[in-house]
Amino acid sequence: MYIDVTGKTEDEAIRKALEQLGMDRDDVSVEILERAKSGFLGFGSSPARVRVTYGPEESDVIPEPVKPIHREPEKKEPARESAKKAPEKKEPKPRPERQPKQENKPKQEKKPRPEKKHEEPRAAEAPAEDLPLCEDDNAKAIVKFLTGLLAQMESEAQVKVYETEKGRYRAILEGDKLGQLIGRRGETLDAIQQLTNYAVNSGADKRIRIQVDAENYRRKREQSLESLARKTAEKAKKYRRSVTLEPMNAYERHVIHAALQDVAQITTYSVGTEPNRRVVVSYDREKK
C-alpha cells in the first residue's frame, strides 16, 4: 500500500506522509517522484511529490527502488526549460511577489518543529536501565520467549525488560560470555531480536516494537553509525553525488536517517529488499 504526498520540499512531503500514516521513518519506504523546483521569479515552480509505501514491517519493499536516482537528471532538464519559457508567456508582476511569501512561512514554522519532536523520544531509549522494570503482559511474553530461546542456545543470560515509551520495549540480556549472543557485527543479536518481535507480535491485536540488547552493543553501534553517516554526508557533498551504504536492518537505517535529517543539502532514503535493504545518502543542492 502507498500514498502520494506533495510538499514544498522533499522533507516536508515525507513529514506530511508520516504524520498522516502515524508511522516512523523506518516503517515506510520513500520514493521521490518529483523534486521541488523553485522556478525563476516564481514562475515554473512546482512542489515535491513523494510516494510512501507502507504495510507490515517485512513488506515495506519498493520493487523499483533505484528509480529516484535515475530520474533526477531526466526531470531536472524539462523543469528548467519550463522555468525559462514561463516568463516569456506570463509576465504579471503581482504573482511573483505573492508566491515567495507563501513558500517562506511554512519553512520557518512547520519544517523544523515536527521533525525534531518526532525523533526526540527515541533518544530517551539509551538509558533504559534508569527506568523501572516492566512487568505488564507484553513484558512477560518477551521474558518467556527469550528465556526459552536462550535455554536452547545453552546460555544462562538473564532477561530484563523496560518500556522506553508506549508500545516500545527494550530487553537487556545480562550475564557472562554474551559475545556469542551478539555475534559478528551484531548479526546473532539481530536474529534474536527478529525472532522475539515475530513471536511476541504473532496473533496480537496491537503490534509492539522490541529491541534486544547486550553489553550496551546497540548504543555503541549507534555511535558508530552516526559517525559513518556524517562522513558519508561530507563525501556526498564533496563529490555532489549519491552514496549507497552497506545493507542494514530497520533500526540501523533509522539511525542514519535521524542523524542526517537536518543536514543541509543531504537527503536520505532506503532502497532494495530485505535483508539487503540499504540507505542512500543523496546530495540535494535545493535542501537548506
C-alpha atoms as a PDB file:
ATOM      1  CA  MET A   1       0.000   0.000   0.000  1.00  0.00           C
ATOM      2  CA  TYR A   2       1.193   3.540  -0.666  1.00  0.00           C
ATOM      3  CA  ILE A   3       0.195   7.174  -0.663  1.00  0.00           C
ATOM      4  CA  ASP A   4       1.454  10.065  -2.777  1.00  0.00           C
ATOM      5  CA  VAL A   5       2.054  13.322  -0.915  1.00  0.00           C
ATOM      6  CA  THR A   6       3.265  16.733  -2.055  1.00  0.00           C
ATOM      7  CA  GLY A   7       5.170  19.399  -0.183  1.00  0.00           C
ATOM      8  CA  LYS A   8       7.302  22.442  -0.836  1.00  0.00           C
ATOM      9  CA  THR A   9      10.382  20.270  -0.184  1.00  0.00           C
ATOM     10  CA  GLU A  10      11.039  16.522  -0.187  1.00  0.00           C
ATOM     11  CA  ASP A  11      11.451  16.536   3.597  1.00  0.00           C
ATOM     12  CA  GLU A  12       8.161  18.347   4.108  1.00  0.00           C
ATOM     13  CA  ALA A  13       6.330  15.894   1.844  1.00  0.00           C
ATOM     14  CA  ILE A  14       7.835  12.927   3.735  1.00  0.00           C
ATOM     15  CA  ARG A  15       6.952  14.505   7.076  1.00  0.00           C
ATOM     16  CA  LYS A  16       3.339  15.062   5.962  1.00  0.00           C
ATOM     17  CA  ALA A  17       3.077  11.423   4.886  1.00  0.00           C
ATOM     18  CA  LEU A  18       4.488  10.163   8.212  1.00  0.00           C
ATOM     19  CA  GLU A  19       2.057  12.358  10.142  1.00  0.00           C
ATOM     20  CA  GLN A  20      -0.849  11.171   8.007  1.00  0.00           C
ATOM     21  CA  LEU A  21       0.048   7.494   8.472  1.00  0.00           C
ATOM     22  CA  GLY A  22       1.155   7.833  12.098  1.00  0.00           C
ATOM     23  CA  MET A  23       4.340   5.923  11.330  1.00  0.00           C
ATOM     24  CA  ASP A  24       8.099   6.369  11.776  1.00  0.00           C
ATOM     25  CA  ARG A  25      10.672   6.906   9.015  1.00  0.00           C
ATOM     26  CA  ASP A  26      11.925   3.303   9.176  1.00  0.00           C
ATOM     27  CA  ASP A  27       8.360   1.916   8.949  1.00  0.00           C
ATOM     28  CA  VAL A  28       7.975   3.056   5.350  1.00  0.00           C
ATOM     29  CA  SER A  29       9.765   3.177   2.031  1.00  0.00           C
ATOM     30  CA  VAL A  30      10.115   6.513   0.271  1.00  0.00           C
ATOM     31  CA  GLU A  31      10.295   7.060  -3.469  1.00  0.00           C
ATOM     32  CA  ILE A  32      10.894  10.609  -4.677  1.00  0.00           C
ATOM     33  CA  LEU A  33       8.616  11.055  -7.703  1.00  0.00           C
ATOM     34  CA  GLU A  34       9.340  14.738  -8.312  1.00  0.00           C
ATOM     35  CA  ARG A  35      11.828  17.059  -6.672  1.00  0.00           C
ATOM     36  CA  ALA A  36      10.763  20.567  -5.695  1.00  0.00           C
ATOM     37  CA  LYS A  37      11.515  23.245  -8.275  1.00  0.00           C
ATOM     38  CA  SER A  38      11.942  26.862  -7.189  1.00  0.00           C
ATOM     39  CA  GLY A  39      11.485  28.238 -10.699  1.00  0.00           C
ATOM     40  CA  PHE A  40      12.551  31.663 -11.879  1.00  0.00           C
ATOM     41  CA  LEU A  41      10.963  34.698 -10.200  1.00  0.00           C
ATOM     42  CA  GLY A  42       8.165  32.464  -9.020  1.00  0.00           C
ATOM     43  CA  PHE A  43       7.363  31.052 -12.477  1.00  0.00           C
ATOM     44  CA  GLY A  44       7.723  27.396 -13.228  1.00  0.00           C
ATOM     45  CA  SER A  45       7.920  26.443  -9.536  1.00  0.00           C
ATOM     46  CA  SER A  46       6.464  23.095  -8.529  1.00  0.00           C
ATOM     47  CA  PRO A  47       6.170  21.181  -5.253  1.00  0.00           C
ATOM     48  CA  ALA A  48       7.990  17.991  -4.396  1.00  0.00           C
ATOM     49  CA  ARG A  49       5.998  14.768  -4.742  1.00  0.00           C
ATOM     50  CA  VAL A  50       6.910  11.531  -2.947  1.00  0.00           C
ATOM     51  CA  ARG A  51       5.384   8.083  -2.787  1.00  0.00           C
ATOM     52  CA  VAL A  52       5.406   6.477   0.663  1.00  0.00           C
ATOM     53  CA  THR A  53       4.876   2.720   0.720  1.00  0.00           C
ATOM     54  CA  TYR A  54       3.733   1.165   3.984  1.00  0.00           C
ATOM     55  CA  GLY A  55       2.430  -2.078   5.421  1.00  0.00           C
ATOM     56  CA  PRO A  56       3.831  -4.895   7.650  1.00  0.00           C
ATOM     57  CA  GLU A  57       7.464  -4.352   8.711  1.00  0.00           C
ATOM     58  CA  GLU A  58       8.890  -7.007   6.420  1.00  0.00           C
ATOM     59  CA  SER A  59       6.822  -5.975   3.368  1.00  0.00           C
ATOM     60  CA  ASP A  60       7.848  -2.328   3.086  1.00  0.00           C
ATOM     61  CA  VAL A  61       9.821  -3.014  -0.086  1.00  0.00           C
ATOM     62  CA  ILE A  62       9.679  -0.952  -3.262  1.00  0.00           C
ATOM     63  CA  PRO A  63      10.082  -3.238  -6.301  1.00  0.00           C
ATOM     64  CA  GLU A  64      11.864  -0.492  -8.262  1.00  0.00           C
ATOM     65  CA  PRO A  65      13.837   1.300  -5.545  1.00  0.00           C
ATOM     66  CA  VAL A  66      16.598   2.819  -7.615  1.00  0.00           C
ATOM     67  CA  LYS A  67      14.261   4.956  -9.752  1.00  0.00           C
ATOM     68  CA  PRO A  68      14.736   8.145  -7.699  1.00  0.00           C
ATOM     69  CA  ILE A  69      18.434   8.196  -8.587  1.00  0.00           C
ATOM     70  CA  HIS A  70      17.911   7.668 -12.347  1.00  0.00           C
ATOM     71  CA  ARG A  71      15.021  10.090 -12.653  1.00  0.00           C
ATOM     72  CA  GLU A  72      16.866  13.108 -11.267  1.00  0.00           C
ATOM     73  CA  PRO A  73      18.712  14.125 -14.441  1.00  0.00           C
ATOM     74  CA  GLU A  74      15.688  13.393 -16.673  1.00  0.00           C
ATOM     75  CA  LYS A  75      13.259  15.576 -14.703  1.00  0.00           C
ATOM     76  CA  LYS A  76      15.539  18.460 -13.934  1.00  0.00           C
ATOM     77  CA  GLU A  77      16.110  19.337 -17.605  1.00  0.00           C
ATOM     78  CA  PRO A  78      12.417  19.773 -18.603  1.00  0.00           C
ATOM     79  CA  ALA A  79      11.794  21.634 -15.363  1.00  0.00           C
ATOM     80  CA  ARG A  80      14.472  24.150 -16.235  1.00  0.00           C
ATOM     81  CA  GLU A  81      13.051  24.563 -19.734  1.00  0.00           C
ATOM     82  CA  SER A  82       9.568  25.232 -18.379  1.00  0.00           C
ATOM     83  CA  ALA A  83      11.043  27.674 -15.875  1.00  0.00           C
ATOM     84  CA  LYS A  84      12.739  29.590 -18.677  1.00  0.00           C
ATOM     85  CA  LYS A  85       9.744  29.548 -21.037  1.00  0.00           C
ATOM     86  CA  ALA A  86       7.229  30.587 -18.384  1.00  0.00           C
ATOM     87  CA  PRO A  87       8.432  34.204 -18.058  1.00  0.00           C
ATOM     88  CA  GLU A  88       8.034  34.653 -21.827  1.00  0.00           C
ATOM     89  CA  LYS A  89       4.379  33.664 -21.721  1.00  0.00           C
ATOM     90  CA  LYS A  90       3.412  35.254 -18.414  1.00  0.00           C
ATOM     91  CA  GLU A  91       4.899  38.448 -17.121  1.00  0.00           C
ATOM     92  CA  PRO A  92       2.447  39.698 -14.475  1.00  0.00           C
ATOM     93  CA  LYS A  93       4.460  41.004 -11.530  1.00  0.00           C
ATOM     94  CA  PRO A  94       1.906  40.656  -8.694  1.00  0.00           C
ATOM     95  CA  ARG A  95       2.080  36.846  -8.740  1.00  0.00           C
ATOM     96  CA  PRO A  96       5.850  36.500  -8.284  1.00  0.00           C
ATOM     97  CA  GLU A  97       5.607  38.709  -5.213  1.00  0.00           C
ATOM     98  CA  ARG A  98       2.906  36.610  -3.552  1.00  0.00           C
ATOM     99  CA  GLN A  99       4.283  33.152  -4.152  1.00  0.00           C
ATOM    100  CA  PRO A 100       7.629  33.550  -2.346  1.00  0.00           C
ATOM    101  CA  LYS A 101       5.825  34.865   0.736  1.00  0.00           C
ATOM    102  CA  GLN A 102       3.664  31.767   0.916  1.00  0.00           C
ATOM    103  CA  GLU A 103       6.656  29.485   0.479  1.00  0.00           C
ATOM    104  CA  ASN A 104       8.849  31.090   3.128  1.00  0.00           C
ATOM    105  CA  LYS A 105       6.376  30.928   6.005  1.00  0.00           C
ATOM    106  CA  PRO A 106       5.933  27.126   6.135  1.00  0.00           C
ATOM    107  CA  LYS A 107       9.708  26.642   6.044  1.00  0.00           C
ATOM    108  CA  GLN A 108      10.157  28.734   9.175  1.00  0.00           C
ATOM    109  CA  GLU A 109       7.150  27.481  11.125  1.00  0.00           C
ATOM    110  CA  LYS A 110       6.489  23.895  10.160  1.00  0.00           C
ATOM    111  CA  LYS A 111       9.614  22.166   8.917  1.00  0.00           C
ATOM    112  CA  PRO A 112      11.918  22.290  11.961  1.00  0.00           C
ATOM    113  CA  ARG A 113       9.358  21.562  14.673  1.00  0.00           C
ATOM    114  CA  PRO A 114       7.675  18.253  13.750  1.00  0.00           C
ATOM    115  CA  GLU A 115      10.878  16.508  12.650  1.00  0.00           C
ATOM    116  CA  LYS A 116      12.779  17.287  15.845  1.00  0.00           C
ATOM    117  CA  LYS A 117       9.880  16.326  18.108  1.00  0.00           C
ATOM    118  CA  HIS A 118       9.321  13.181  16.114  1.00  0.00           C
ATOM    119  CA  GLU A 119      12.832  11.885  16.801  1.00  0.00           C
ATOM    120  CA  GLU A 120      13.308  13.025  20.417  1.00  0.00           C
ATOM    121  CA  PRO A 121      11.517  10.063  22.116  1.00  0.00           C
ATOM    122  CA  ARG A 122      13.989   7.589  20.618  1.00  0.00           C
ATOM    123  CA  ALA A 123      16.950   9.347  22.130  1.00  0.00           C
ATOM    124  CA  ALA A 124      15.466   8.509  25.539  1.00  0.00           C
ATOM    125  CA  GLU A 125      15.830   4.792  24.845  1.00  0.00           C
ATOM    126  CA  ALA A 126      19.550   4.732  25.642  1.00  0.00           C
ATOM    127  CA  PRO A 127      19.340   4.950  29.475  1.00  0.00           C
ATOM    128  CA  ALA A 128      16.685   2.228  29.722  1.00  0.00           C
ATOM    129  CA  GLU A 129      18.254   0.876  32.912  1.00  0.00           C
ATOM    130  CA  ASP A 130      17.194   4.104  34.659  1.00  0.00           C
ATOM    131  CA  LEU A 131      13.557   3.134  34.123  1.00  0.00           C
ATOM    132  CA  PRO A 132      11.654   0.710  36.389  1.00  0.00           C
ATOM    133  CA  LEU A 133      11.423  -2.891  35.249  1.00  0.00           C
ATOM    134  CA  CYS A 134       8.312  -3.520  33.195  1.00  0.00           C
ATOM    135  CA  GLU A 135       6.045  -6.394  34.214  1.00  0.00           C
ATOM    136  CA  ASP A 136       2.983  -5.960  32.006  1.00  0.00           C
ATOM    137  CA  ASP A 137       1.654  -8.736  29.760  1.00  0.00           C
ATOM    138  CA  ASN A 138       3.893  -7.755  26.863  1.00  0.00           C
ATOM    139  CA  ALA A 139       6.990  -7.772  29.082  1.00  0.00           C
ATOM    140  CA  LYS A 140       6.068 -11.194  30.476  1.00  0.00           C
ATOM    141  CA  ALA A 141       5.665 -12.552  26.951  1.00  0.00           C
ATOM    142  CA  ILE A 142       9.088 -11.156  25.983  1.00  0.00           C
ATOM    143  CA  VAL A 143      10.780 -12.682  29.045  1.00  0.00           C
ATOM    144  CA  LYS A 144       9.090 -16.032  28.486  1.00  0.00           C
ATOM    145  CA  PHE A 145      10.133 -16.298  24.854  1.00  0.00           C
ATOM    146  CA  LEU A 146      13.705 -15.087  25.362  1.00  0.00           C
ATOM    147  CA  THR A 147      14.239 -17.340  28.364  1.00  0.00           C
ATOM    148  CA  GLY A 148      13.193 -20.362  26.317  1.00  0.00           C
ATOM    149  CA  LEU A 149      15.296 -19.292  23.335  1.00  0.00           C
ATOM    150  CA  LEU A 150      18.393 -18.702  25.464  1.00  0.00           C
ATOM    151  CA  ALA A 151      17.960 -22.122  27.072  1.00  0.00           C
ATOM    152  CA  GLN A 152      18.009 -23.690  23.602  1.00  0.00           C
ATOM    153  CA  MET A 153      21.208 -21.746  22.904  1.00  0.00           C
ATOM    154  CA  GLU A 154      22.694 -23.099  26.158  1.00  0.00           C
ATOM    155  CA  SER A 155      23.052 -19.590  27.546  1.00  0.00           C
ATOM    156  CA  GLU A 156      22.418 -18.650  31.171  1.00  0.00           C
ATOM    157  CA  ALA A 157      21.859 -14.969  30.439  1.00  0.00           C
ATOM    158  CA  GLN A 158      19.086 -13.240  32.379  1.00  0.00           C
ATOM    159  CA  VAL A 159      16.433 -11.066  30.744  1.00  0.00           C
ATOM    160  CA  LYS A 160      15.272  -7.652  31.973  1.00  0.00           C
ATOM    161  CA  VAL A 161      12.571  -5.727  30.131  1.00  0.00           C
ATOM    162  CA  TYR A 162      11.923  -1.961  30.161  1.00  0.00           C
ATOM    163  CA  GLU A 163       9.214   0.036  28.409  1.00  0.00           C
ATOM    164  CA  THR A 164      11.050   3.031  26.913  1.00  0.00           C
ATOM    165  CA  GLU A 165       7.837   4.553  25.548  1.00  0.00           C
ATOM    166  CA  LYS A 166       4.327   3.374  24.803  1.00  0.00           C
ATOM    167  CA  GLY A 167       4.488   0.340  22.530  1.00  0.00           C
ATOM    168  CA  ARG A 168       8.313   0.158  22.624  1.00  0.00           C
ATOM    169  CA  TYR A 169      10.212  -2.285  24.815  1.00  0.00           C
ATOM    170  CA  ARG A 170      13.890  -2.901  25.417  1.00  0.00           C
ATOM    171  CA  ALA A 171      15.058  -6.340  26.543  1.00  0.00           C
ATOM    172  CA  ILE A 172      18.517  -6.392  28.166  1.00  0.00           C
ATOM    173  CA  LEU A 173      20.483  -9.640  28.295  1.00  0.00           C
ATOM    174  CA  GLU A 174      22.773  -9.836  31.330  1.00  0.00           C
ATOM    175  CA  GLY A 175      25.342 -12.464  32.267  1.00  0.00           C
ATOM    176  CA  ASP A 176      28.695 -13.898  31.250  1.00  0.00           C
ATOM    177  CA  LYS A 177      30.003 -14.717  27.769  1.00  0.00           C
ATOM    178  CA  LEU A 178      27.477 -12.569  25.954  1.00  0.00           C
ATOM    179  CA  GLY A 179      29.757 -12.226  22.941  1.00  0.00           C
ATOM    180  CA  GLN A 180      28.268 -15.360  21.392  1.00  0.00           C
ATOM    181  CA  LEU A 181      24.794 -13.826  21.702  1.00  0.00           C
ATOM    182  CA  ILE A 182      25.923 -10.653  19.937  1.00  0.00           C
ATOM    183  CA  GLY A 183      27.806 -12.323  17.081  1.00  0.00           C
ATOM    184  CA  ARG A 184      29.813 -10.731  14.299  1.00  0.00           C
ATOM    185  CA  ARG A 185      28.639  -7.132  13.853  1.00  0.00           C
ATOM    186  CA  GLY A 186      25.562  -7.934  15.927  1.00  0.00           C
ATOM    187  CA  GLU A 187      24.166 -10.496  13.476  1.00  0.00           C
ATOM    188  CA  THR A 188      23.203 -13.018  16.178  1.00  0.00           C
ATOM    189  CA  LEU A 189      21.661 -10.296  18.344  1.00  0.00           C
ATOM    190  CA  ASP A 190      19.679  -9.044  15.344  1.00  0.00           C
ATOM    191  CA  ALA A 191      18.402 -12.562  14.681  1.00  0.00           C
ATOM    192  CA  ILE A 192      17.323 -12.931  18.324  1.00  0.00           C
ATOM    193  CA  GLN A 193      15.560  -9.573  18.095  1.00  0.00           C
ATOM    194  CA  GLN A 194      13.724 -10.511  14.894  1.00  0.00           C
ATOM    195  CA  LEU A 195      12.571 -13.826  16.355  1.00  0.00           C
ATOM    196  CA  THR A 196      11.372 -12.091  19.516  1.00  0.00           C
ATOM    197  CA  ASN A 197       9.394  -9.481  17.589  1.00  0.00           C
ATOM    198  CA  TYR A 198       7.818 -12.147  15.397  1.00  0.00           C
ATOM    199  CA  ALA A 199       6.936 -14.489  18.263  1.00  0.00           C
ATOM    200  CA  VAL A 200       5.507 -11.855  20.628  1.00  0.00           C
ATOM    201  CA  ASN A 201       3.546  -9.997  17.929  1.00  0.00           C
ATOM    202  CA  SER A 202       2.167 -13.150  16.322  1.00  0.00           C
ATOM    203  CA  GLY A 203      -1.594 -13.125  16.837  1.00  0.00           C
ATOM    204  CA  ALA A 204      -1.501  -9.927  18.923  1.00  0.00           C
ATOM    205  CA  ASP A 205      -4.114  -7.200  18.409  1.00  0.00           C
ATOM    206  CA  LYS A 206      -1.632  -4.354  18.691  1.00  0.00           C
ATOM    207  CA  ARG A 207       1.901  -4.599  17.380  1.00  0.00           C
ATOM    208  CA  ILE A 208       4.780  -3.571  19.663  1.00  0.00           C
ATOM    209  CA  ARG A 209       8.447  -2.863  18.966  1.00  0.00           C
ATOM    210  CA  ILE A 210      11.069  -4.869  20.841  1.00  0.00           C
ATOM    211  CA  GLN A 211      14.778  -4.072  20.922  1.00  0.00           C
ATOM    212  CA  VAL A 212      17.122  -6.724  22.309  1.00  0.00           C
ATOM    213  CA  ASP A 213      20.499  -5.555  23.620  1.00  0.00           C
ATOM    214  CA  ALA A 214      23.546  -6.984  25.397  1.00  0.00           C
ATOM    215  CA  GLU A 215      26.619  -5.258  26.830  1.00  0.00           C
ATOM    216  CA  ASN A 216      25.241  -1.924  25.535  1.00  0.00           C
ATOM    217  CA  TYR A 217      26.041  -3.069  21.986  1.00  0.00           C
ATOM    218  CA  ARG A 218      23.187  -1.094  20.428  1.00  0.00           C
ATOM    219  CA  ARG A 219      24.416   2.215  21.822  1.00  0.00           C
ATOM    220  CA  LYS A 220      27.984   1.563  20.667  1.00  0.00           C
ATOM    221  CA  ARG A 221      26.727   0.553  17.224  1.00  0.00           C
ATOM    222  CA  GLU A 222      24.537   3.667  17.101  1.00  0.00           C
ATOM    223  CA  GLN A 223      27.525   5.921  17.773  1.00  0.00           C
ATOM    224  CA  SER A 224      29.479   4.144  15.049  1.00  0.00           C
ATOM    225  CA  LEU A 225      26.606   4.578  12.570  1.00  0.00           C
ATOM    226  CA  GLU A 226      26.227   8.276  13.399  1.00  0.00           C
ATOM    227  CA  SER A 227      29.920   8.779  12.677  1.00  0.00           C
ATOM    228  CA  LEU A 228      29.541   6.856   9.390  1.00  0.00           C
ATOM    229  CA  ALA A 229      26.527   8.993   8.457  1.00  0.00           C
ATOM    230  CA  ARG A 230      28.437  12.241   8.951  1.00  0.00           C
ATOM    231  CA  LYS A 231      31.428  11.049   6.916  1.00  0.00           C
ATOM    232  CA  THR A 232      29.168   9.802   4.123  1.00  0.00           C
ATOM    233  CA  ALA A 233      27.279  13.113   4.025  1.00  0.00           C
ATOM    234  CA  GLU A 234      30.547  15.023   3.640  1.00  0.00           C
ATOM    235  CA  LYS A 235      31.557  12.698   0.824  1.00  0.00           C
ATOM    236  CA  ALA A 236      28.203  13.178  -0.934  1.00  0.00           C
ATOM    237  CA  LYS A 237      28.573  16.963  -0.661  1.00  0.00           C
ATOM    238  CA  LYS A 238      32.182  16.967  -1.822  1.00  0.00           C
ATOM    239  CA  TYR A 239      31.542  14.930  -4.963  1.00  0.00           C
ATOM    240  CA  ARG A 240      27.902  16.053  -5.387  1.00  0.00           C
ATOM    241  CA  ARG A 241      26.531  12.581  -5.870  1.00  0.00           C
ATOM    242  CA  SER A 242      24.607   9.858  -4.059  1.00  0.00           C
ATOM    243  CA  VAL A 243      26.382   7.317  -1.861  1.00  0.00           C
ATOM    244  CA  THR A 244      24.776   3.937  -1.085  1.00  0.00           C
ATOM    245  CA  LEU A 245      25.662   2.365   2.263  1.00  0.00           C
ATOM    246  CA  GLU A 246      26.004  -1.302   3.169  1.00  0.00           C
ATOM    247  CA  PRO A 247      22.849  -3.374   3.907  1.00  0.00           C
ATOM    248  CA  MET A 248      21.326  -2.559   7.312  1.00  0.00           C
ATOM    249  CA  ASN A 249      18.325  -3.610   9.348  1.00  0.00           C
ATOM    250  CA  ALA A 250      15.406  -1.232  10.010  1.00  0.00           C
ATOM    251  CA  TYR A 251      16.825   0.062  13.296  1.00  0.00           C
ATOM    252  CA  GLU A 252      20.234   0.871  11.829  1.00  0.00           C
ATOM    253  CA  ARG A 253      18.647   2.562   8.820  1.00  0.00           C
ATOM    254  CA  HIS A 254      16.650   4.719  11.200  1.00  0.00           C
ATOM    255  CA  VAL A 255      19.858   5.831  12.939  1.00  0.00           C
ATOM    256  CA  ILE A 256      21.260   7.024   9.597  1.00  0.00           C
ATOM    257  CA  HIS A 257      18.023   8.833   8.655  1.00  0.00           C
ATOM    258  CA  ALA A 258      17.822  10.550  12.057  1.00  0.00           C
ATOM    259  CA  ALA A 259      21.494  11.580  12.048  1.00  0.00           C
ATOM    260  CA  LEU A 260      21.185  13.345   8.683  1.00  0.00           C
ATOM    261  CA  GLN A 261      17.606  14.638   8.703  1.00  0.00           C
ATOM    262  CA  ASP A 262      18.649  18.240   9.454  1.00  0.00           C
ATOM    263  CA  VAL A 263      21.851  18.310   7.389  1.00  0.00           C
ATOM    264  CA  ALA A 264      21.723  20.893   4.611  1.00  0.00           C
ATOM    265  CA  GLN A 265      21.927  19.601   1.006  1.00  0.00           C
ATOM    266  CA  ILE A 266      21.549  15.978   2.151  1.00  0.00           C
ATOM    267  CA  THR A 267      18.519  13.720   1.671  1.00  0.00           C
ATOM    268  CA  THR A 268      18.298  10.057   2.693  1.00  0.00           C
ATOM    269  CA  TYR A 269      16.016   7.230   1.607  1.00  0.00           C
ATOM    270  CA  SER A 270      16.058   3.421   1.567  1.00  0.00           C
ATOM    271  CA  VAL A 271      16.276   1.119  -1.442  1.00  0.00           C
ATOM    272  CA  GLY A 272      16.418  -2.624  -2.020  1.00  0.00           C
ATOM    273  CA  THR A 273      14.745  -5.625  -0.419  1.00  0.00           C
ATOM    274  CA  GLU A 274      15.322  -7.252   2.948  1.00  0.00           C
ATOM    275  CA  PRO A 275      17.818  -8.397   4.101  1.00  0.00           C
ATOM    276  CA  ASN A 276      19.819  -6.290   1.631  1.00  0.00           C
ATOM    277  CA  ARG A 277      17.944  -3.038   2.125  1.00  0.00           C
ATOM    278  CA  ARG A 278      20.312  -0.052   2.060  1.00  0.00           C
ATOM    279  CA  VAL A 279      20.297   3.658   2.850  1.00  0.00           C
ATOM    280  CA  VAL A 280      21.149   6.108   0.068  1.00  0.00           C
ATOM    281  CA  VAL A 281      22.741   9.397   1.168  1.00  0.00           C
ATOM    282  CA  SER A 282      21.922  11.785  -1.660  1.00  0.00           C
ATOM    283  CA  TYR A 283      23.284  15.250  -2.455  1.00  0.00           C
ATOM    284  CA  ASP A 284      20.430  17.740  -2.837  1.00  0.00           C
ATOM    285  CA  ARG A 285      21.553  21.300  -3.510  1.00  0.00           C
ATOM    286  CA  GLU A 286      17.988  22.631  -3.026  1.00  0.00           C
ATOM    287  CA  LYS A 287      17.678  21.409   0.578  1.00  0.00           C
ATOM    288  CA  LYS A 288      18.607  24.060   3.126  1.00  0.00           C
END
